[in-house]
Amino acid sequence: MNDSIIIEKIKLVIKEELSLEHISDSASQDNVPQWDSMAFMSIVAKLEDTFGILVTADNVVLFDSIEKIFGEIKRQLSCKES
């Protein structure tokens, strides 16, 4: 899966979970008011289902921005391909 597809899927999940029409690539819990702790958990669960990844106590902190989410998903997907 190429990077742009991964980013678009991440953005789609976040837009759906937050009921937003648009979201920027720089979106995070710090700059999107709707992205509260309850939404965070919904986003994480949906990303796990969408990408077949595992979110643990060790990596959950990496799911608070599109940039960090992309990095962790990319890492996990590349480990699966190896």
PDB file of N, CA and C in Angstrom:
ATOM      1  N   MET A   1       0.868  -1.177   0.000  1.00  0.00           N
ATOM      2  CA  MET A   1       0.000   0.000   0.000  1.00  0.00           C
ATOM      3  C   MET A   1       0.910   1.234   0.000  1.00  0.00           C
ATOM      4  N   ASN A   2       0.673   2.148  -0.939  1.00  0.00           N
ATOM      5  CA  ASN A   2       1.547   3.314  -0.986  1.00  0.00           C
ATOM      6  C   ASN A   2       1.152   4.378   0.046  1.00  0.00           C
ATOM      7  N   ASP A   3       2.072   5.301   0.282  1.00  0.00           N
ATOM      8  CA  ASP A   3       1.907   6.299   1.343  1.00  0.00           C
ATOM      9  C   ASP A   3       0.646   7.140   1.194  1.00  0.00           C
ATOM     10  N   SER A   4       0.349   7.570  -0.024  1.00  0.00           N
ATOM     11  CA  SER A   4      -0.821   8.439  -0.203  1.00  0.00           C
ATOM     12  C   SER A   4      -2.125   7.705   0.099  1.00  0.00           C
ATOM     13  N   ILE A   5      -2.185   6.425  -0.211  1.00  0.00           N
ATOM     14  CA  ILE A   5      -3.384   5.636   0.105  1.00  0.00           C
ATOM     15  C   ILE A   5      -3.521   5.481   1.613  1.00  0.00           C
ATOM     16  N   ILE A   6      -2.411   5.225   2.286  1.00  0.00           N
ATOM     17  CA  ILE A   6      -2.439   5.099   3.747  1.00  0.00           C
ATOM     18  C   ILE A   6      -2.939   6.388   4.380  1.00  0.00           C
ATOM     19  N   ILE A   7      -2.391   7.515   3.960  1.00  0.00           N
ATOM     20  CA  ILE A   7      -2.789   8.809   4.528  1.00  0.00           C
ATOM     21  C   ILE A   7      -4.260   9.088   4.255  1.00  0.00           C
ATOM     22  N   GLU A   8      -4.723   8.819   3.049  1.00  0.00           N
ATOM     23  CA  GLU A   8      -6.132   9.064   2.733  1.00  0.00           C
ATOM     24  C   GLU A   8      -7.057   8.184   3.563  1.00  0.00           C
ATOM     25  N   LYS A   9      -6.672   6.932   3.788  1.00  0.00           N
ATOM     26  CA  LYS A   9      -7.483   6.044   4.621  1.00  0.00           C
ATOM     27  C   LYS A   9      -7.501   6.523   6.069  1.00  0.00           C
ATOM     28  N   ILE A  10      -6.363   6.968   6.575  1.00  0.00           N
ATOM     29  CA  ILE A  10      -6.301   7.520   7.936  1.00  0.00           C
ATOM     30  C   ILE A  10      -7.224   8.720   8.046  1.00  0.00           C
ATOM     31  N   LYS A  11      -7.130   9.632   7.098  1.00  0.00           N
ATOM     32  CA  LYS A  11      -7.964  10.833   7.116  1.00  0.00           C
ATOM     33  C   LYS A  11      -9.443  10.484   7.022  1.00  0.00           C
ATOM     34  N   LEU A  12      -9.786   9.500   6.206  1.00  0.00           N
ATOM     35  CA  LEU A  12     -11.177   9.076   6.075  1.00  0.00           C
ATOM     36  C   LEU A  12     -11.707   8.551   7.410  1.00  0.00           C
ATOM     37  N   VAL A  13     -10.932   7.704   8.084  1.00  0.00           N
ATOM     38  CA  VAL A  13     -11.343   7.180   9.391  1.00  0.00           C
ATOM     39  C   VAL A  13     -11.575   8.324  10.365  1.00  0.00           C
ATOM     40  N   ILE A  14     -10.645   9.251  10.431  1.00  0.00           N
ATOM     41  CA  ILE A  14     -10.758  10.358  11.382  1.00  0.00           C
ATOM     42  C   ILE A  14     -11.944  11.246  11.037  1.00  0.00           C
ATOM     43  N   LYS A  15     -12.127  11.557   9.754  1.00  0.00           N
ATOM     44  CA  LYS A  15     -13.281  12.377   9.354  1.00  0.00           C
ATOM     45  C   LYS A  15     -14.588  11.697   9.720  1.00  0.00           C
ATOM     46  N   GLU A  16     -14.684  10.406   9.473  1.00  0.00           N
ATOM     47  CA  GLU A  16     -15.917   9.684   9.797  1.00  0.00           C
ATOM     48  C   GLU A  16     -16.169   9.648  11.298  1.00  0.00           C
ATOM     49  N   GLU A  17     -15.141   9.355  12.073  1.00  0.00           N
ATOM     50  CA  GLU A  17     -15.300   9.249  13.524  1.00  0.00           C
ATOM     51  C   GLU A  17     -15.602  10.599  14.176  1.00  0.00           C
ATOM     52  N   LEU A  18     -15.104  11.679  13.578  1.00  0.00           N
ATOM     53  CA  LEU A  18     -15.327  13.016  14.138  1.00  0.00           C
ATOM     54  C   LEU A  18     -16.446  13.775  13.437  1.00  0.00           C
ATOM     55  N   SER A  19     -17.080  13.148  12.460  1.00  0.00           N
ATOM     56  CA  SER A  19     -18.145  13.779  11.674  1.00  0.00           C
ATOM     57  C   SER A  19     -17.691  15.097  11.055  1.00  0.00           C
ATOM     58  N   LEU A  20     -16.534  15.051  10.402  1.00  0.00           N
ATOM     59  CA  LEU A  20     -15.975  16.228   9.735  1.00  0.00           C
ATOM     60  C   LEU A  20     -15.994  16.019   8.221  1.00  0.00           C
ATOM     61  N   GLU A  21     -16.120  17.116   7.497  1.00  0.00           N
ATOM     62  CA  GLU A  21     -16.061  17.027   6.039  1.00  0.00           C
ATOM     63  C   GLU A  21     -14.627  17.087   5.533  1.00  0.00           C
ATOM     64  N   HIS A  22     -13.791  17.843   6.214  1.00  0.00           N
ATOM     65  CA  HIS A  22     -12.395  18.035   5.794  1.00  0.00           C
ATOM     66  C   HIS A  22     -11.486  17.915   7.000  1.00  0.00           C
ATOM     67  N   ILE A  23     -10.269  17.447   6.755  1.00  0.00           N
ATOM     68  CA  ILE A  23      -9.255  17.407   7.801  1.00  0.00           C
ATOM     69  C   ILE A  23      -7.897  17.574   7.125  1.00  0.00           C
ATOM     70  N   SER A  24      -7.025  18.341   7.732  1.00  0.00           N
ATOM     71  CA  SER A  24      -5.721  18.599   7.133  1.00  0.00           C
ATOM     72  C   SER A  24      -4.726  17.501   7.502  1.00  0.00           C
ATOM     73  N   ASP A  25      -3.647  17.425   6.744  1.00  0.00           N
ATOM     74  CA  ASP A  25      -2.606  16.443   7.021  1.00  0.00           C
ATOM     75  C   ASP A  25      -1.931  16.703   8.355  1.00  0.00           C
ATOM     76  N   SER A  26      -2.038  17.918   8.866  1.00  0.00           N
ATOM     77  CA  SER A  26      -1.393  18.261  10.132  1.00  0.00           C
ATOM     78  C   SER A  26      -2.342  18.145  11.328  1.00  0.00           C
ATOM     79  N   ALA A  27      -3.497  17.551  11.127  1.00  0.00           N
ATOM     80  CA  ALA A  27      -4.486  17.424  12.207  1.00  0.00           C
ATOM     81  C   ALA A  27      -3.950  16.579  13.354  1.00  0.00           C
ATOM     82  N   SER A  28      -4.326  16.999  14.566  1.00  0.00           N
ATOM     83  CA  SER A  28      -3.940  16.267  15.768  1.00  0.00           C
ATOM     84  C   SER A  28      -4.954  16.561  16.868  1.00  0.00           C
ATOM     85  N   GLN A  29      -4.799  15.869  17.989  1.00  0.00           N
ATOM     86  CA  GLN A  29      -5.674  16.141  19.121  1.00  0.00           C
ATOM     87  C   GLN A  29      -5.492  17.575  19.605  1.00  0.00           C
ATOM     88  N   ASP A  30      -4.334  18.146  19.378  1.00  0.00           N
ATOM     89  CA  ASP A  30      -4.058  19.516  19.830  1.00  0.00           C
ATOM     90  C   ASP A  30      -4.793  20.572  19.019  1.00  0.00           C
ATOM     91  N   ASN A  31      -5.096  20.292  17.753  1.00  0.00           N
ATOM     92  CA  ASN A  31      -5.691  21.339  16.920  1.00  0.00           C
ATOM     93  C   ASN A  31      -7.061  20.988  16.330  1.00  0.00           C
ATOM     94  N   VAL A  32      -7.644  19.860  16.753  1.00  0.00           N
ATOM     95  CA  VAL A  32      -8.995  19.485  16.318  1.00  0.00           C
ATOM     96  C   VAL A  32      -9.839  19.258  17.574  1.00  0.00           C
ATOM     97  N   PRO A  33     -10.675  20.224  17.936  1.00  0.00           N
ATOM     98  CA  PRO A  33     -11.424  20.143  19.193  1.00  0.00           C
ATOM     99  C   PRO A  33     -12.290  18.889  19.337  1.00  0.00           C
ATOM    100  N   GLN A  34     -12.815  18.373  18.242  1.00  0.00           N
ATOM    101  CA  GLN A  34     -13.671  17.188  18.299  1.00  0.00           C
ATOM    102  C   GLN A  34     -12.892  15.912  18.656  1.00  0.00           C
ATOM    103  N   TRP A  35     -11.581  15.963  18.524  1.00  0.00           N
ATOM    104  CA  TRP A  35     -10.723  14.805  18.743  1.00  0.00           C
ATOM    105  C   TRP A  35     -10.411  14.684  20.236  1.00  0.00           C
ATOM    106  N   ASP A  36     -11.439  14.396  21.017  1.00  0.00           N
ATOM    107  CA  ASP A  36     -11.276  14.281  22.466  1.00  0.00           C
ATOM    108  C   ASP A  36     -10.926  12.836  22.833  1.00  0.00           C
ATOM    109  N   SER A  37     -10.894  12.524  24.122  1.00  0.00           N
ATOM    110  CA  SER A  37     -10.466  11.191  24.557  1.00  0.00           C
ATOM    111  C   SER A  37     -11.411  10.085  24.100  1.00  0.00           C
ATOM    112  N   MET A  38     -12.695  10.369  24.070  1.00  0.00           N
ATOM    113  CA  MET A  38     -13.647   9.357  23.588  1.00  0.00           C
ATOM    114  C   MET A  38     -13.471   9.120  22.086  1.00  0.00           C
ATOM    115  N   ALA A  39     -13.327  10.199  21.336  1.00  0.00           N
ATOM    116  CA  ALA A  39     -13.097  10.073  19.898  1.00  0.00           C
ATOM    117  C   ALA A  39     -11.772   9.361  19.631  1.00  0.00           C
ATOM    118  N   PHE A  40     -10.780   9.628  20.454  1.00  0.00           N
ATOM    119  CA  PHE A  40      -9.471   8.989  20.324  1.00  0.00           C
ATOM    120  C   PHE A  40      -9.627   7.465  20.327  1.00  0.00           C
ATOM    121  N   MET A  41     -10.380   6.951  21.279  1.00  0.00           N
ATOM    122  CA  MET A  41     -10.562   5.504  21.389  1.00  0.00           C
ATOM    123  C   MET A  41     -11.300   4.940  20.172  1.00  0.00           C
ATOM    124  N   SER A  42     -12.299   5.667  19.686  1.00  0.00           N
ATOM    125  CA  SER A  42     -13.035   5.231  18.488  1.00  0.00           C
ATOM    126  C   SER A  42     -12.128   5.216  17.261  1.00  0.00           C
ATOM    127  N   ILE A  43     -11.303   6.246  17.134  1.00  0.00           N
ATOM    128  CA  ILE A  43     -10.374   6.339  16.011  1.00  0.00           C
ATOM    129  C   ILE A  43      -9.382   5.177  16.049  1.00  0.00           C
ATOM    130  N   VAL A  44      -8.824   4.929  17.226  1.00  0.00           N
ATOM    131  CA  VAL A  44      -7.856   3.837  17.371  1.00  0.00           C
ATOM    132  C   VAL A  44      -8.488   2.495  16.992  1.00  0.00           C
ATOM    133  N   ALA A  45      -9.681   2.224  17.490  1.00  0.00           N
ATOM    134  CA  ALA A  45     -10.355   0.960  17.186  1.00  0.00           C
ATOM    135  C   ALA A  45     -10.614   0.818  15.691  1.00  0.00           C
ATOM    136  N   LYS A  46     -11.065   1.888  15.061  1.00  0.00           N
ATOM    137  CA  LYS A  46     -11.358   1.850  13.620  1.00  0.00           C
ATOM    138  C   LYS A  46     -10.075   1.669  12.801  1.00  0.00           C
ATOM    139  N   LEU A  47      -8.985   2.311  13.233  1.00  0.00           N
ATOM    140  CA  LEU A  47      -7.714   2.154  12.528  1.00  0.00           C
ATOM    141  C   LEU A  47      -7.196   0.720  12.654  1.00  0.00           C
ATOM    142  N   GLU A  48      -7.377   0.116  13.814  1.00  0.00           N
ATOM    143  CA  GLU A  48      -6.982  -1.286  13.985  1.00  0.00           C
ATOM    144  C   GLU A  48      -7.723  -2.174  12.983  1.00  0.00           C
ATOM    145  N   ASP A  49      -9.022  -1.957  12.864  1.00  0.00           N
ATOM    146  CA  ASP A  49      -9.833  -2.744  11.929  1.00  0.00           C
ATOM    147  C   ASP A  49      -9.472  -2.463  10.475  1.00  0.00           C
ATOM    148  N   THR A  50      -9.303  -1.207  10.159  1.00  0.00           N
ATOM    149  CA  THR A  50      -9.044  -0.801   8.776  1.00  0.00           C
ATOM    150  C   THR A  50      -7.709  -1.325   8.262  1.00  0.00           C
ATOM    151  N   PHE A  51      -6.679  -1.245   9.090  1.00  0.00           N
ATOM    152  CA  PHE A  51      -5.332  -1.600   8.640  1.00  0.00           C
ATOM    153  C   PHE A  51      -4.846  -2.954   9.159  1.00  0.00           C
ATOM    154  N   GLY A  52      -5.605  -3.590  10.043  1.00  0.00           N
ATOM    155  CA  GLY A  52      -5.165  -4.862  10.596  1.00  0.00           C
ATOM    156  C   GLY A  52      -3.933  -4.723  11.469  1.00  0.00           C
ATOM    157  N   ILE A  53      -3.858  -3.604  12.192  1.00  0.00           N
ATOM    158  CA  ILE A  53      -2.714  -3.342  13.053  1.00  0.00           C
ATOM    159  C   ILE A  53      -3.081  -3.611  14.505  1.00  0.00           C
ATOM    160  N   LEU A  54      -2.071  -3.552  15.372  1.00  0.00           N
ATOM    161  CA  LEU A  54      -2.283  -3.761  16.790  1.00  0.00           C
ATOM    162  C   LEU A  54      -1.845  -2.517  17.554  1.00  0.00           C
ATOM    163  N   VAL A  55      -2.761  -1.949  18.313  1.00  0.00           N
ATOM    164  CA  VAL A  55      -2.436  -0.802  19.160  1.00  0.00           C
ATOM    165  C   VAL A  55      -2.305  -1.339  20.580  1.00  0.00           C
ATOM    166  N   THR A  56      -1.160  -1.054  21.189  1.00  0.00           N
ATOM    167  CA  THR A  56      -0.855  -1.555  22.524  1.00  0.00           C
ATOM    168  C   THR A  56      -0.590  -0.389  23.470  1.00  0.00           C
ATOM    169  N   ALA A  57      -0.366  -0.711  24.722  1.00  0.00           N
ATOM    170  CA  ALA A  57      -0.023   0.316  25.709  1.00  0.00           C
ATOM    171  C   ALA A  57       1.282   1.019  25.329  1.00  0.00           C
ATOM    172  N   ASP A  58       2.151   0.319  24.625  1.00  0.00           N
ATOM    173  CA  ASP A  58       3.437   0.906  24.234  1.00  0.00           C
ATOM    174  C   ASP A  58       3.337   1.882  23.067  1.00  0.00           C
ATOM    175  N   ASN A  59       2.394   1.655  22.146  1.00  0.00           N
ATOM    176  CA  ASN A  59       2.346   2.521  20.971  1.00  0.00           C
ATOM    177  C   ASN A  59       1.104   3.412  20.882  1.00  0.00           C
ATOM    178  N   VAL A  60       0.200   3.300  21.838  1.00  0.00           N
ATOM    179  CA  VAL A  60      -1.037   4.086  21.772  1.00  0.00           C
ATOM    180  C   VAL A  60      -0.762   5.593  21.757  1.00  0.00           C
ATOM    181  N   VAL A  61       0.329   6.014  22.355  1.00  0.00           N
ATOM    182  CA  VAL A  61       0.664   7.444  22.369  1.00  0.00           C
ATOM    183  C   VAL A  61       0.983   7.982  20.974  1.00  0.00           C
ATOM    184  N   LEU A  62       1.182   7.085  20.019  1.00  0.00           N
ATOM    185  CA  LEU A  62       1.494   7.495  18.652  1.00  0.00           C
ATOM    186  C   LEU A  62       0.256   7.715  17.794  1.00  0.00           C
ATOM    187  N   PHE A  63      -0.909   7.725  18.417  1.00  0.00           N
ATOM    188  CA  PHE A  63      -2.153   7.841  17.652  1.00  0.00           C
ATOM    189  C   PHE A  63      -2.887   9.151  17.924  1.00  0.00           C
ATOM    190  N   ASP A  64      -2.132  10.229  18.193  1.00  0.00           N
ATOM    191  CA  ASP A  64      -2.763  11.516  18.494  1.00  0.00           C
ATOM    192  C   ASP A  64      -2.590  12.549  17.381  1.00  0.00           C
ATOM    193  N   SER A  65      -2.002  12.141  16.263  1.00  0.00           N
ATOM    194  CA  SER A  65      -1.891  13.045  15.111  1.00  0.00           C
ATOM    195  C   SER A  65      -1.800  12.206  13.840  1.00  0.00           C
ATOM    196  N   ILE A  66      -2.193  12.788  12.743  1.00  0.00           N
ATOM    197  CA  ILE A  66      -2.124  12.080  11.467  1.00  0.00           C
ATOM    198  C   ILE A  66      -0.685  11.696  11.161  1.00  0.00           C
ATOM    199  N   GLU A  67       0.242  12.587  11.418  1.00  0.00           N
ATOM    200  CA  GLU A  67       1.652  12.319  11.135  1.00  0.00           C
ATOM    201  C   GLU A  67       2.158  11.101  11.923  1.00  0.00           C
ATOM    202  N   LYS A  68       1.879  11.061  13.216  1.00  0.00           N
ATOM    203  CA  LYS A  68       2.343   9.940  14.039  1.00  0.00           C
ATOM    204  C   LYS A  68       1.605   8.640  13.693  1.00  0.00           C
ATOM    205  N   ILE A  69       0.303   8.760  13.445  1.00  0.00           N
ATOM    206  CA  ILE A  69      -0.481   7.578  13.057  1.00  0.00           C
ATOM    207  C   ILE A  69       0.092   6.973  11.782  1.00  0.00           C
ATOM    208  N   PHE A  70       0.369   7.826  10.799  1.00  0.00           N
ATOM    209  CA  PHE A  70       0.937   7.347   9.540  1.00  0.00           C
ATOM    210  C   PHE A  70       2.247   6.603   9.790  1.00  0.00           C
ATOM    211  N   GLY A  71       3.119   7.182  10.602  1.00  0.00           N
ATOM    212  CA  GLY A  71       4.408   6.551  10.881  1.00  0.00           C
ATOM    213  C   GLY A  71       4.261   5.177  11.506  1.00  0.00           C
ATOM    214  N   GLU A  72       3.357   5.060  12.462  1.00  0.00           N
ATOM    215  CA  GLU A  72       3.172   3.770  13.145  1.00  0.00           C
ATOM    216  C   GLU A  72       2.500   2.745  12.241  1.00  0.00           C
ATOM    217  N   ILE A  73       1.519   3.162  11.472  1.00  0.00           N
ATOM    218  CA  ILE A  73       0.870   2.231  10.544  1.00  0.00           C
ATOM    219  C   ILE A  73       1.872   1.770   9.489  1.00  0.00           C
ATOM    220  N   LYS A  74       2.624   2.683   8.945  1.00  0.00           N
ATOM    221  CA  LYS A  74       3.638   2.342   7.944  1.00  0.00           C
ATOM    222  C   LYS A  74       4.640   1.336   8.522  1.00  0.00           C
ATOM    223  N   ARG A  75       5.068   1.555   9.763  1.00  0.00           N
ATOM    224  CA  ARG A  75       6.015   0.650  10.422  1.00  0.00           C
ATOM    225  C   ARG A  75       5.414  -0.749  10.559  1.00  0.00           C
ATOM    226  N   GLN A  76       4.170  -0.797  11.049  1.00  0.00           N
ATOM    227  CA  GLN A  76       3.546  -2.102  11.264  1.00  0.00           C
ATOM    228  C   GLN A  76       3.276  -2.830   9.943  1.00  0.00           C
ATOM    229  N   LEU A  77       2.856  -2.100   8.934  1.00  0.00           N
ATOM    230  CA  LEU A  77       2.599  -2.730   7.645  1.00  0.00           C
ATOM    231  C   LEU A  77       3.894  -3.255   7.015  1.00  0.00           C
ATOM    232  N   SER A  78       4.978  -2.508   7.174  1.00  0.00           N
ATOM    233  CA  SER A  78       6.245  -2.968   6.603  1.00  0.00           C
ATOM    234  C   SER A  78       6.768  -4.193   7.348  1.00  0.00           C
ATOM    235  N   CYS A  79       6.495  -4.297   8.642  1.00  0.00           N
ATOM    236  CA  CYS A  79       6.880  -5.497   9.412  1.00  0.00           C
ATOM    237  C   CYS A  79       6.103  -6.710   8.924  1.00  0.00           C
ATOM    238  N   LYS A  80       4.848  -6.521   8.560  1.00  0.00           N
ATOM    239  CA  LYS A  80       4.015  -7.626   8.063  1.00  0.00           C
ATOM    240  C   LYS A  80       4.513  -8.127   6.715  1.00  0.00           C
ATOM    241  N   GLU A  81       5.039  -7.207   5.902  1.00  0.00           N
ATOM    242  CA  GLU A  81       5.492  -7.566   4.560  1.00  0.00           C
ATOM    243  C   GLU A  81       6.836  -8.288   4.581  1.00  0.00           C
ATOM    244  N   SER A  82       7.576  -8.116   5.660  1.00  0.00           N
ATOM    245  CA  SER A  82       8.921  -8.725   5.758  1.00  0.00           C
ATOM    246  C   SER A  82       8.856 -10.219   5.983  1.00  0.00           C
TER     247      SER A  82
END
